[in-house]
PDB file of N, CA and C in Angstrom:
ATOM      1  N   MET A   1     100.342 113.878  98.697  1.00  0.00           N
ATOM      2  CA  MET A   1      99.748 113.939  97.366  1.00  0.00           C
ATOM      3  C   MET A   1      99.023 112.620  97.062  1.00  0.00           C
ATOM      4  N   VAL A   2      97.928 112.734  96.380  1.00  0.00           N
ATOM      5  CA  VAL A   2      97.136 111.573  95.990  1.00  0.00           C
ATOM      6  C   VAL A   2      97.750 110.953  94.737  1.00  0.00           C
ATOM      7  N   GLU A   3      97.791 109.631  94.714  1.00  0.00           N
ATOM      8  CA  GLU A   3      98.288 108.911  93.541  1.00  0.00           C
ATOM      9  C   GLU A   3      97.192 107.976  93.056  1.00  0.00           C
ATOM     10  N   CYS A   4      96.852 108.101  91.775  1.00  0.00           N
ATOM     11  CA  CYS A   4      95.839 107.225  91.171  1.00  0.00           C
ATOM     12  C   CYS A   4      96.510 106.298  90.164  1.00  0.00           C
ATOM     13  N   GLN A   5      96.027 105.079  90.115  1.00  0.00           N
ATOM     14  CA  GLN A   5      96.520 104.073  89.176  1.00  0.00           C
ATOM     15  C   GLN A   5      95.321 103.323  88.612  1.00  0.00           C
ATOM     16  N   VAL A   6      95.556 102.599  87.525  1.00  0.00           N
ATOM     17  CA  VAL A   6      94.523 101.717  86.974  1.00  0.00           C
ATOM     18  C   VAL A   6      94.899 100.290  87.346  1.00  0.00           C
ATOM     19  N   GLN A   7      94.014  99.624  88.089  1.00  0.00           N
ATOM     20  CA  GLN A   7      94.247  98.231  88.460  1.00  0.00           C
ATOM     21  C   GLN A   7      93.748  97.325  87.344  1.00  0.00           C
ATOM     22  N   LEU A   8      94.660  96.504  86.833  1.00  0.00           N
ATOM     23  CA  LEU A   8      94.323  95.595  85.731  1.00  0.00           C
ATOM     24  C   LEU A   8      93.933  94.214  86.238  1.00  0.00           C
ATOM     25  N   GLY A   9      94.440  93.851  87.407  1.00  0.00           N
ATOM     26  CA  GLY A   9      94.106  92.547  87.950  1.00  0.00           C
ATOM     27  C   GLY A   9      94.843  92.274  89.247  1.00  0.00           C
ATOM     28  N   VAL A  10      94.295  91.359  90.041  1.00  0.00           N
ATOM     29  CA  VAL A  10      94.922  90.893  91.278  1.00  0.00           C
ATOM     30  C   VAL A  10      94.845  89.376  91.272  1.00  0.00           C
ATOM     31  N   PHE A  11      95.978  88.750  91.551  1.00  0.00           N
ATOM     32  CA  PHE A  11      96.038  87.292  91.471  1.00  0.00           C
ATOM     33  C   PHE A  11      96.782  86.715  92.662  1.00  0.00           C
ATOM     34  N   LYS A  12      96.323  85.551  93.115  1.00  0.00           N
ATOM     35  CA  LYS A  12      96.989  84.855  94.213  1.00  0.00           C
ATOM     36  C   LYS A  12      98.279  84.226  93.702  1.00  0.00           C
ATOM     37  N   ASN A  13      98.211  83.641  92.523  1.00  0.00           N
ATOM     38  CA  ASN A  13      99.376  83.013  91.896  1.00  0.00           C
ATOM     39  C   ASN A  13      99.653  83.749  90.589  1.00  0.00           C
ATOM     40  N   GLU A  14     100.319  83.089  89.673  1.00  0.00           N
ATOM     41  CA  GLU A  14     100.543  83.697  88.362  1.00  0.00           C
ATOM     42  C   GLU A  14      99.196  83.904  87.665  1.00  0.00           C
ATOM     43  N   PRO A  15      99.069  84.984  86.889  1.00  0.00           N
ATOM     44  CA  PRO A  15      97.814  85.176  86.152  1.00  0.00           C
ATOM     45  C   PRO A  15      97.618  84.070  85.107  1.00  0.00           C
ATOM     46  N   PRO A  16      96.367  83.839  84.706  1.00  0.00           N
ATOM     47  CA  PRO A  16      96.127  82.853  83.633  1.00  0.00           C
ATOM     48  C   PRO A  16      96.941  83.227  82.384  1.00  0.00           C
ATOM     49  N   VAL A  17      97.262  82.239  81.580  1.00  0.00           N
ATOM     50  CA  VAL A  17      98.127  82.438  80.411  1.00  0.00           C
ATOM     51  C   VAL A  17      97.612  83.548  79.496  1.00  0.00           C
ATOM     52  N   ASP A  18      96.300  83.566  79.216  1.00  0.00           N
ATOM     53  CA  ASP A  18      95.757  84.588  78.316  1.00  0.00           C
ATOM     54  C   ASP A  18      95.899  85.988  78.925  1.00  0.00           C
ATOM     55  N   VAL A  19      95.690  86.110  80.221  1.00  0.00           N
ATOM     56  CA  VAL A  19      95.818  87.405  80.896  1.00  0.00           C
ATOM     57  C   VAL A  19      97.288  87.828  80.940  1.00  0.00           C
ATOM     58  N   LYS A  20      98.171  86.883  81.235  1.00  0.00           N
ATOM     59  CA  LYS A  20      99.599  87.188  81.295  1.00  0.00           C
ATOM     60  C   LYS A  20     100.088  87.698  79.942  1.00  0.00           C
ATOM     61  N   ALA A  21      99.601  87.118  78.861  1.00  0.00           N
ATOM     62  CA  ALA A  21      99.998  87.554  77.520  1.00  0.00           C
ATOM     63  C   ALA A  21      99.606  89.015  77.299  1.00  0.00           C
ATOM     64  N   LYS A  22      98.407  89.380  77.771  1.00  0.00           N
ATOM     65  CA  LYS A  22      97.969  90.789  77.643  1.00  0.00           C
ATOM     66  C   LYS A  22      98.801  91.700  78.550  1.00  0.00           C
ATOM     67  N   LEU A  23      99.050  91.249  79.775  1.00  0.00           N
ATOM     68  CA  LEU A  23      99.830  92.056  80.726  1.00  0.00           C
ATOM     69  C   LEU A  23     101.239  92.324  80.203  1.00  0.00           C
ATOM     70  N   ASP A  24     101.831  91.329  79.552  1.00  0.00           N
ATOM     71  CA  ASP A  24     103.192  91.465  79.031  1.00  0.00           C
ATOM     72  C   ASP A  24     103.307  92.559  77.972  1.00  0.00           C
ATOM     73  N   LYS A  25     102.187  92.936  77.364  1.00  0.00           N
ATOM     74  CA  LYS A  25     102.201  93.958  76.308  1.00  0.00           C
ATOM     75  C   LYS A  25     101.984  95.372  76.861  1.00  0.00           C
ATOM     76  N   VAL A  26     101.687  95.494  78.158  1.00  0.00           N
ATOM     77  CA  VAL A  26     101.374  96.798  78.748  1.00  0.00           C
ATOM     78  C   VAL A  26     102.659  97.541  79.103  1.00  0.00           C
ATOM     79  N   ALA A  27     102.830  98.720  78.516  1.00  0.00           N
ATOM     80  CA  ALA A  27     103.994  99.549  78.831  1.00  0.00           C
ATOM     81  C   ALA A  27     103.803 100.181  80.209  1.00  0.00           C
ATOM     82  N   GLY A  28     104.843 100.164  81.013  1.00  0.00           N
ATOM     83  CA  GLY A  28     104.773 100.790  82.327  1.00  0.00           C
ATOM     84  C   GLY A  28     104.016  99.988  83.368  1.00  0.00           C
ATOM     85  N   LEU A  29     103.879  98.693  83.151  1.00  0.00           N
ATOM     86  CA  LEU A  29     103.162  97.826  84.087  1.00  0.00           C
ATOM     87  C   LEU A  29     103.895  97.772  85.421  1.00  0.00           C
ATOM     88  N   LYS A  30     103.137  97.919  86.511  1.00  0.00           N
ATOM     89  CA  LYS A  30     103.713  97.792  87.852  1.00  0.00           C
ATOM     90  C   LYS A  30     103.102  96.577  88.529  1.00  0.00           C
ATOM     91  N   LYS A  31     103.948  95.858  89.264  1.00  0.00           N
ATOM     92  CA  LYS A  31     103.534  94.646  89.959  1.00  0.00           C
ATOM     93  C   LYS A  31     103.861  94.862  91.439  1.00  0.00           C
ATOM     94  N   THR A  32     102.837  94.846  92.289  1.00  0.00           N
ATOM     95  CA  THR A  32     103.058  95.036  93.721  1.00  0.00           C
ATOM     96  C   THR A  32     102.328  93.938  94.492  1.00  0.00           C
ATOM     97  N   VAL A  33     102.768  93.724  95.718  1.00  0.00           N
ATOM     98  CA  VAL A  33     102.121  92.733  96.571  1.00  0.00           C
ATOM     99  C   VAL A  33     101.235  93.470  97.566  1.00  0.00           C
ATOM    100  N   THR A  34      99.980  93.064  97.646  1.00  0.00           N
ATOM    101  CA  THR A  34      99.017  93.707  98.555  1.00  0.00           C
ATOM    102  C   THR A  34      99.277  93.226  99.983  1.00  0.00           C
ATOM    103  N   PRO A  35      98.707  93.924 100.979  1.00  0.00           N
ATOM    104  CA  PRO A  35      98.843  93.470 102.365  1.00  0.00           C
ATOM    105  C   PRO A  35      98.321  92.045 102.572  1.00  0.00           C
ATOM    106  N   ALA A  36      97.408  91.591 101.721  1.00  0.00           N
ATOM    107  CA  ALA A  36      96.855  90.236 101.830  1.00  0.00           C
ATOM    108  C   ALA A  36      97.741  89.190 101.137  1.00  0.00           C
ATOM    109  N   GLY A  37      98.855  89.652 100.547  1.00  0.00           N
ATOM    110  CA  GLY A  37      99.769  88.721  99.898  1.00  0.00           C
ATOM    111  C   GLY A  37      99.432  88.392  98.456  1.00  0.00           C
ATOM    112  N   LEU A  38      98.508  89.148  97.870  1.00  0.00           N
ATOM    113  CA  LEU A  38      98.142  88.946  96.464  1.00  0.00           C
ATOM    114  C   LEU A  38      99.003  89.843  95.582  1.00  0.00           C
ATOM    115  N   THR A  39      99.159  89.468  94.326  1.00  0.00           N
ATOM    116  CA  THR A  39      99.933  90.283  93.389  1.00  0.00           C
ATOM    117  C   THR A  39      98.985  91.162  92.591  1.00  0.00           C
ATOM    118  N   ARG A  40      99.205  92.481  92.684  1.00  0.00           N
ATOM    119  CA  ARG A  40      98.354  93.461  91.992  1.00  0.00           C
ATOM    120  C   ARG A  40      99.122  94.009  90.796  1.00  0.00           C
ATOM    121  N   TYR A  41      98.451  94.060  89.653  1.00  0.00           N
ATOM    122  CA  TYR A  41      99.026  94.620  88.432  1.00  0.00           C
ATOM    123  C   TYR A  41      98.343  95.951  88.133  1.00  0.00           C
ATOM    124  N   THR A  42      99.146  97.002  88.034  1.00  0.00           N
ATOM    125  CA  THR A  42      98.592  98.335  87.765  1.00  0.00           C
ATOM    126  C   THR A  42      99.396  99.022  86.665  1.00  0.00           C
ATOM    127  N   VAL A  43      98.806 100.079  86.154  1.00  0.00           N
ATOM    128  CA  VAL A  43      99.484 100.915  85.168  1.00  0.00           C
ATOM    129  C   VAL A  43      99.105 102.363  85.462  1.00  0.00           C
ATOM    130  N   GLY A  44     100.020 103.259  85.163  1.00  0.00           N
ATOM    131  CA  GLY A  44      99.775 104.680  85.397  1.00  0.00           C
ATOM    132  C   GLY A  44     100.050 105.064  86.830  1.00  0.00           C
ATOM    133  N   SER A  45     100.362 106.321  87.029  1.00  0.00           N
ATOM    134  CA  SER A  45     100.571 106.858  88.363  1.00  0.00           C
ATOM    135  C   SER A  45     100.520 108.373  88.246  1.00  0.00           C
ATOM    136  N   THR A  46      99.391 108.934  88.650  1.00  0.00           N
ATOM    137  CA  THR A  46      99.207 110.369  88.505  1.00  0.00           C
ATOM    138  C   THR A  46      98.193 110.858  89.519  1.00  0.00           C
ATOM    139  N   SER A  47      98.231 112.142  89.800  1.00  0.00           N
ATOM    140  CA  SER A  47      97.196 112.741  90.641  1.00  0.00           C
ATOM    141  C   SER A  47      96.130 113.406  89.767  1.00  0.00           C
ATOM    142  N   ASP A  48      96.325 113.349  88.445  1.00  0.00           N
ATOM    143  CA  ASP A  48      95.395 113.955  87.486  1.00  0.00           C
ATOM    144  C   ASP A  48      94.291 112.953  87.154  1.00  0.00           C
ATOM    145  N   PHE A  49      93.089 113.214  87.673  1.00  0.00           N
ATOM    146  CA  PHE A  49      91.997 112.255  87.509  1.00  0.00           C
ATOM    147  C   PHE A  49      91.580 112.096  86.042  1.00  0.00           C
ATOM    148  N   LYS A  50      91.632 113.181  85.263  1.00  0.00           N
ATOM    149  CA  LYS A  50      91.284 113.080  83.836  1.00  0.00           C
ATOM    150  C   LYS A  50      92.274 112.179  83.107  1.00  0.00           C
ATOM    151  N   ALA A  51      93.555 112.312  83.446  1.00  0.00           N
ATOM    152  CA  ALA A  51      94.594 111.507  82.788  1.00  0.00           C
ATOM    153  C   ALA A  51      94.440 110.032  83.143  1.00  0.00           C
ATOM    154  N   ILE A  52      94.165 109.734  84.407  1.00  0.00           N
ATOM    155  CA  ILE A  52      94.045 108.326  84.806  1.00  0.00           C
ATOM    156  C   ILE A  52      92.752 107.730  84.241  1.00  0.00           C
ATOM    157  N   SER A  53      91.717 108.550  84.090  1.00  0.00           N
ATOM    158  CA  SER A  53      90.476 108.081  83.458  1.00  0.00           C
ATOM    159  C   SER A  53      90.731 107.706  82.004  1.00  0.00           C
ATOM    160  N   ALA A  54      91.559 108.500  81.323  1.00  0.00           N
ATOM    161  CA  ALA A  54      91.903 108.205  79.929  1.00  0.00           C
ATOM    162  C   ALA A  54      92.703 106.908  79.847  1.00  0.00           C
ATOM    163  N   THR A  55      93.606 106.699  80.812  1.00  0.00           N
ATOM    164  CA  THR A  55      94.386 105.458  80.851  1.00  0.00           C
ATOM    165  C   THR A  55      93.459 104.266  81.073  1.00  0.00           C
ATOM    166  N   ARG A  56      92.500 104.408  81.996  1.00  0.00           N
ATOM    167  CA  ARG A  56      91.536 103.331  82.252  1.00  0.00           C
ATOM    168  C   ARG A  56      90.762 103.002  80.970  1.00  0.00           C
ATOM    169  N   ASP A  57      90.290 104.021  80.278  1.00  0.00           N
ATOM    170  CA  ASP A  57      89.518 103.802  79.046  1.00  0.00           C
ATOM    171  C   ASP A  57      90.371 103.100  77.989  1.00  0.00           C
ATOM    172  N   LYS A  58      91.646 103.479  77.901  1.00  0.00           N
ATOM    173  CA  LYS A  58      92.570 102.851  76.953  1.00  0.00           C
ATOM    174  C   LYS A  58      92.759 101.374  77.308  1.00  0.00           C
ATOM    175  N   MET A  59      92.920 101.079  78.588  1.00  0.00           N
ATOM    176  CA  MET A  59      93.113  99.692  79.022  1.00  0.00           C
ATOM    177  C   MET A  59      91.852  98.853  78.773  1.00  0.00           C
ATOM    178  N   LYS A  60      90.682  99.458  78.976  1.00  0.00           N
ATOM    179  CA  LYS A  60      89.424  98.751  78.673  1.00  0.00           C
ATOM    180  C   LYS A  60      89.385  98.396  77.187  1.00  0.00           C
ATOM    181  N   ALA A  61      89.800  99.348  76.339  1.00  0.00           N
ATOM    182  CA  ALA A  61      89.807  99.127  74.892  1.00  0.00           C
ATOM    183  C   ALA A  61      90.809  98.042  74.505  1.00  0.00           C
ATOM    184  N   GLU A  62      91.850  97.857  75.325  1.00  0.00           N
ATOM    185  CA  GLU A  62      92.870  96.849  75.032  1.00  0.00           C
ATOM    186  C   GLU A  62      92.528  95.485  75.633  1.00  0.00           C
ATOM    187  N   GLY A  63      91.299  95.356  76.160  1.00  0.00           N
ATOM    188  CA  GLY A  63      90.849  94.042  76.600  1.00  0.00           C
ATOM    189  C   GLY A  63      90.784  93.832  78.105  1.00  0.00           C
ATOM    190  N   PHE A  64      91.186  94.843  78.888  1.00  0.00           N
ATOM    191  CA  PHE A  64      91.091  94.721  80.348  1.00  0.00           C
ATOM    192  C   PHE A  64      89.734  95.286  80.782  1.00  0.00           C
ATOM    193  N   THR A  65      88.679  94.547  80.437  1.00  0.00           N
ATOM    194  CA  THR A  65      87.322  95.071  80.608  1.00  0.00           C
ATOM    195  C   THR A  65      86.934  95.312  82.068  1.00  0.00           C
ATOM    196  N   ASP A  66      87.583  94.636  83.001  1.00  0.00           N
ATOM    197  CA  ASP A  66      87.245  94.792  84.417  1.00  0.00           C
ATOM    198  C   ASP A  66      88.174  95.758  85.156  1.00  0.00           C
ATOM    199  N   CYS A  67      89.043  96.456  84.430  1.00  0.00           N
ATOM    200  CA  CYS A  67      89.987  97.352  85.099  1.00  0.00           C
ATOM    201  C   CYS A  67      89.242  98.543  85.716  1.00  0.00           C
ATOM    202  N   PHE A  68      89.860  99.126  86.733  1.00  0.00           N
ATOM    203  CA  PHE A  68      89.259 100.285  87.399  1.00  0.00           C
ATOM    204  C   PHE A  68      90.341 101.112  88.072  1.00  0.00           C
ATOM    205  N   ILE A  69      89.961 102.304  88.490  1.00  0.00           N
ATOM    206  CA  ILE A  69      90.898 103.236  89.123  1.00  0.00           C
ATOM    207  C   ILE A  69      90.983 102.937  90.616  1.00  0.00           C
ATOM    208  N   ILE A  70      92.219 102.947  91.125  1.00  0.00           N
ATOM    209  CA  ILE A  70      92.455 102.852  92.562  1.00  0.00           C
ATOM    210  C   ILE A  70      93.275 104.066  92.970  1.00  0.00           C
ATOM    211  N   ALA A  71      93.198 104.429  94.241  1.00  0.00           N
ATOM    212  CA  ALA A  71      93.890 105.626  94.704  1.00  0.00           C
ATOM    213  C   ALA A  71      94.628 105.352  96.006  1.00  0.00           C
ATOM    214  N   PHE A  72      95.717 106.103  96.192  1.00  0.00           N
ATOM    215  CA  PHE A  72      96.531 105.990  97.397  1.00  0.00           C
ATOM    216  C   PHE A  72      96.836 107.380  97.935  1.00  0.00           C
ATOM    217  N   PHE A  73      96.943 107.481  99.245  1.00  0.00           N
ATOM    218  CA  PHE A  73      97.347 108.721  99.902  1.00  0.00           C
ATOM    219  C   PHE A  73      98.316 108.335 101.004  1.00  0.00           C
ATOM    220  N   LYS A  74      99.534 108.871 100.929  1.00  0.00           N
ATOM    221  CA  LYS A  74     100.589 108.557 101.901  1.00  0.00           C
ATOM    222  C   LYS A  74     100.805 107.043 102.005  1.00  0.00           C
ATOM    223  N   GLY A  75     100.747 106.371 100.849  1.00  0.00           N
ATOM    224  CA  GLY A  75     101.019 104.943 100.803  1.00  0.00           C
ATOM    225  C   GLY A  75      99.854 104.036 101.183  1.00  0.00           C
ATOM    226  N   GLU A  76      98.760 104.609 101.641  1.00  0.00           N
ATOM    227  CA  GLU A  76      97.592 103.816 102.030  1.00  0.00           C
ATOM    228  C   GLU A  76      96.525 103.909 100.947  1.00  0.00           C
ATOM    229  N   GLN A  77      95.884 102.780 100.635  1.00  0.00           N
ATOM    230  CA  GLN A  77      94.820 102.803  99.639  1.00  0.00           C
ATOM    231  C   GLN A  77      93.595 103.504 100.215  1.00  0.00           C
ATOM    232  N   ILE A  78      93.022 104.393  99.425  1.00  0.00           N
ATOM    233  CA  ILE A  78      91.811 105.131  99.820  1.00  0.00           C
ATOM    234  C   ILE A  78      90.784 104.997  98.704  1.00  0.00           C
ATOM    235  N   SER A  79      89.554 105.411  98.970  1.00  0.00           N
ATOM    236  CA  SER A  79      88.532 105.353  97.923  1.00  0.00           C
ATOM    237  C   SER A  79      88.796 106.440  96.883  1.00  0.00           C
ATOM    238  N   VAL A  80      88.293 106.216  95.693  1.00  0.00           N
ATOM    239  CA  VAL A  80      88.456 107.209  94.625  1.00  0.00           C
ATOM    240  C   VAL A  80      87.751 108.509  95.013  1.00  0.00           C
ATOM    241  N   ASN A  81      86.600 108.405  95.688  1.00  0.00           N
ATOM    242  CA  ASN A  81      85.903 109.617  96.131  1.00  0.00           C
ATOM    243  C   ASN A  81      86.760 110.423  97.093  1.00  0.00           C
ATOM    244  N   GLU A  82      87.439 109.739  98.026  1.00  0.00           N
ATOM    245  CA  GLU A  82      88.337 110.440  98.946  1.00  0.00           C
ATOM    246  C   GLU A  82      89.465 111.110  98.167  1.00  0.00           C
ATOM    247  N   ALA A  83      89.984 110.416  97.170  1.00  0.00           N
ATOM    248  CA  ALA A  83      91.075 110.952  96.364  1.00  0.00           C
ATOM    249  C   ALA A  83      90.645 112.217  95.638  1.00  0.00           C
ATOM    250  N   ILE A  84      89.441 112.208  95.105  1.00  0.00           N
ATOM    251  CA  ILE A  84      88.923 113.386  94.397  1.00  0.00           C
ATOM    252  C   ILE A  84      88.783 114.551  95.382  1.00  0.00           C
ATOM    253  N   GLU A  85      88.261 114.270  96.577  1.00  0.00           N
ATOM    254  CA  GLU A  85      88.112 115.320  97.598  1.00  0.00           C
ATOM    255  C   GLU A  85      89.465 115.884  98.013  1.00  0.00           C
ATOM    256  N   LEU A  86      90.447 115.015  98.233  1.00  0.00           N
ATOM    257  CA  LEU A  86      91.775 115.452  98.651  1.00  0.00           C
ATOM    258  C   LEU A  86      92.486 116.231  97.557  1.00  0.00           C
ATOM    259  N   SER A  87      92.123 115.995  96.312  1.00  0.00           N
ATOM    260  CA  SER A  87      92.787 116.664  95.187  1.00  0.00           C
ATOM    261  C   SER A  87      92.250 118.075  94.939  1.00  0.00           C
ATOM    262  N   LYS A  88      91.148 118.420  95.593  1.00  0.00           N
ATOM    263  CA  LYS A  88      90.537 119.737  95.358  1.00  0.00           C
ATOM    264  C   LYS A  88      91.349 120.839  96.020  1.00  0.00           C
TER     265      LYS A  88
END
């Protein structure tokens, strides 16, 4: 099954203070380490593209202007286009 999330940011170290303050207010925030050793902050987890798009729009409205949708299949990151194709 395809899993889509909204990526709010990726940081080598702790996020800047202003960003961390915003991240601390996000309900359901997930923090994972990428294969490159960076810390990725995401929210949401669904295979419903409309639902994750709504989450992305909500996060943009809350100040995460650079956030975007990322997708995974069997634990591997894939392109959003691949995710849409696999979800059909």
